[in-house]
Amino acid sequence: MARYRINRISEEIRKEVSDIIRNEVKDPRIAEISSVVKAEVTGDLRYARIYISVLGSEEQRNSTLEGLKKAAGFIRRELGHRLDLRYTPELQFISDHSIEYSVKISQKLNELNLNQEDQNDN
């Protein structure tokens, strides 16, 4: 199967799973500040890895992943209704730290800019 088709399907799955989590899943364990960063679908469209980033504590991250794993069947069913694919992939949720990492980098850059401005003023 062509790689560009897999990439398009992966992106469409990412969008739909994000919408389903945001609007359909009512599990209180899922953190409010969580996002679907990336989706990777295997070549045979049987499995999809969904990377979830949660801005919060380690406890919130773990409870969000637990809630999503429990809701995986519901999310997969909704995904099957929304997408016209021969197979609806089995979903595997994986924690991703990219949002947290980018916030830390942004804070460090702001600190460096403030330090440099203070040195220029003196």
Protein backbone atom coordinates (compact mmCIF):
# COMPACT_ATOMS: atom_id res chain seq x y z
CA MET A 1 0.00 0.00 0.00
CA ALA A 2 1.32 3.44 -0.84
CA ARG A 3 2.94 5.28 2.06
CA TYR A 4 1.13 8.55 1.27
CA ARG A 5 -2.22 6.78 1.69
CA ILE A 6 -1.18 5.45 5.10
CA ASN A 7 -0.13 8.98 6.10
CA ARG A 8 -3.50 10.41 5.00
CA ILE A 9 -5.38 7.71 6.90
CA SER A 10 -3.21 8.29 9.98
CA GLU A 11 -3.95 12.01 9.92
CA GLU A 12 -7.68 11.41 9.47
CA ILE A 13 -7.69 8.95 12.37
CA ARG A 14 -5.85 11.51 14.52
CA LYS A 15 -8.49 14.15 13.78
CA GLU A 16 -11.43 11.85 14.40
CA VAL A 17 -10.03 10.30 17.59
CA SER A 18 -9.31 13.78 18.92
CA ASP A 19 -12.90 14.84 18.20
CA ILE A 20 -14.33 11.67 19.75
CA ILE A 21 -12.27 12.11 22.94
CA ARG A 22 -13.17 15.77 23.22
CA ASN A 23 -16.91 15.49 22.49
CA GLU A 24 -18.10 11.91 23.04
CA VAL A 25 -16.07 10.29 25.83
CA LYS A 26 -17.45 11.23 29.25
CA ASP A 27 -14.83 9.55 31.48
CA PRO A 28 -13.82 11.87 34.38
CA ARG A 29 -10.33 10.33 34.44
CA ILE A 30 -9.44 11.97 31.13
CA ALA A 31 -7.70 15.29 31.74
CA GLU A 32 -9.15 18.46 30.24
CA ILE A 33 -5.79 19.56 28.88
CA SER A 34 -4.95 16.55 26.75
CA SER A 35 -4.43 16.31 23.04
CA VAL A 36 -3.86 13.73 20.35
CA VAL A 37 -0.40 14.54 19.03
CA LYS A 38 0.06 11.87 16.38
CA ALA A 39 -1.42 8.66 15.04
CA GLU A 40 0.55 5.91 13.34
CA VAL A 41 -1.29 3.21 11.41
CA THR A 42 0.32 -0.05 10.37
CA GLY A 43 0.50 -0.91 6.68
CA ASP A 44 -2.32 -3.45 6.91
CA LEU A 45 -4.58 -0.94 8.77
CA ARG A 46 -5.11 -3.39 11.65
CA TYR A 47 -3.45 -1.37 14.43
CA ALA A 48 -3.07 2.31 15.24
CA ARG A 49 -0.82 3.89 17.83
CA ILE A 50 -2.36 7.06 19.20
CA TYR A 51 0.08 9.40 20.97
CA ILE A 52 -1.59 11.41 23.75
CA SER A 53 0.01 14.41 25.43
CA VAL A 54 -1.33 15.55 28.80
CA LEU A 55 -0.34 18.84 30.37
CA GLY A 56 -0.37 18.11 34.09
CA SER A 57 1.03 15.81 36.73
CA GLU A 58 2.18 12.23 36.28
CA GLU A 59 -0.97 11.09 38.11
CA GLN A 60 -3.20 12.94 35.61
CA ARG A 61 -1.23 11.43 32.71
CA ASN A 62 -1.62 7.90 34.07
CA SER A 63 -5.33 8.28 34.83
CA THR A 64 -5.94 9.74 31.36
CA LEU A 65 -4.21 6.80 29.69
CA GLU A 66 -6.17 4.38 31.89
CA GLY A 67 -9.45 6.08 30.97
CA LEU A 68 -8.60 6.01 27.28
CA LYS A 69 -7.64 2.35 27.39
CA LYS A 70 -11.00 1.55 29.01
CA ALA A 71 -12.82 3.60 26.35
CA ALA A 72 -10.82 2.14 23.44
CA GLY A 73 -13.69 -0.09 22.29
CA PHE A 74 -16.15 2.81 22.24
CA ILE A 75 -13.66 5.06 20.42
CA ARG A 76 -12.96 2.32 17.88
CA ARG A 77 -16.70 1.81 17.23
CA GLU A 78 -17.26 5.54 16.75
CA LEU A 79 -14.22 5.69 14.46
CA GLY A 80 -15.68 2.84 12.39
CA HIS A 81 -18.92 4.79 11.96
CA ARG A 82 -17.10 7.95 10.90
CA LEU A 83 -14.50 6.51 8.51
CA ASP A 84 -15.12 4.33 5.49
CA LEU A 85 -12.34 1.77 5.91
CA ARG A 86 -12.35 -1.96 5.35
CA TYR A 87 -10.85 -2.51 8.81
CA THR A 88 -11.19 -0.25 11.80
CA PRO A 89 -7.79 -0.39 13.46
CA GLU A 90 -7.31 -1.59 17.02
CA LEU A 91 -6.23 1.44 19.06
CA GLN A 92 -3.22 1.58 21.33
CA PHE A 93 -2.77 4.74 23.42
CA ILE A 94 0.78 5.89 24.20
CA SER A 95 1.88 8.76 26.41
CA ASP A 96 3.72 11.59 24.65
CA HIS A 97 5.63 14.32 26.51
CA SER A 98 5.97 16.82 23.66
CA ILE A 99 3.63 19.53 25.00
CA GLU A 100 5.25 19.41 28.43
CA TYR A 101 8.70 19.52 26.85
CA SER A 102 7.83 22.50 24.64
CA VAL A 103 6.44 24.42 27.63
CA LYS A 104 9.71 23.85 29.52
CA ILE A 105 11.78 24.98 26.52
CA SER A 106 9.62 28.08 26.13
CA GLN A 107 10.08 28.95 29.81
CA LYS A 108 13.85 28.56 29.54
CA LEU A 109 13.97 30.75 26.44
CA ASN A 110 11.95 33.43 28.22
CA GLU A 111 14.34 33.28 31.19
CA LEU A 112 17.32 33.65 28.87
CA ASN A 113 15.73 36.62 27.13
CA LEU A 114 15.00 38.30 30.47
CA ASN A 115 18.57 37.70 31.68
CA GLN A 116 19.98 39.09 28.45
CA GLU A 117 17.78 42.20 28.67
CA ASP A 118 18.90 42.74 32.27
CA GLN A 119 22.54 42.51 31.22
CA ASN A 120 21.99 44.98 28.37
CA ASP A 121 20.31 47.46 30.75
CA ASN A 122 23.33 47.40 33.09
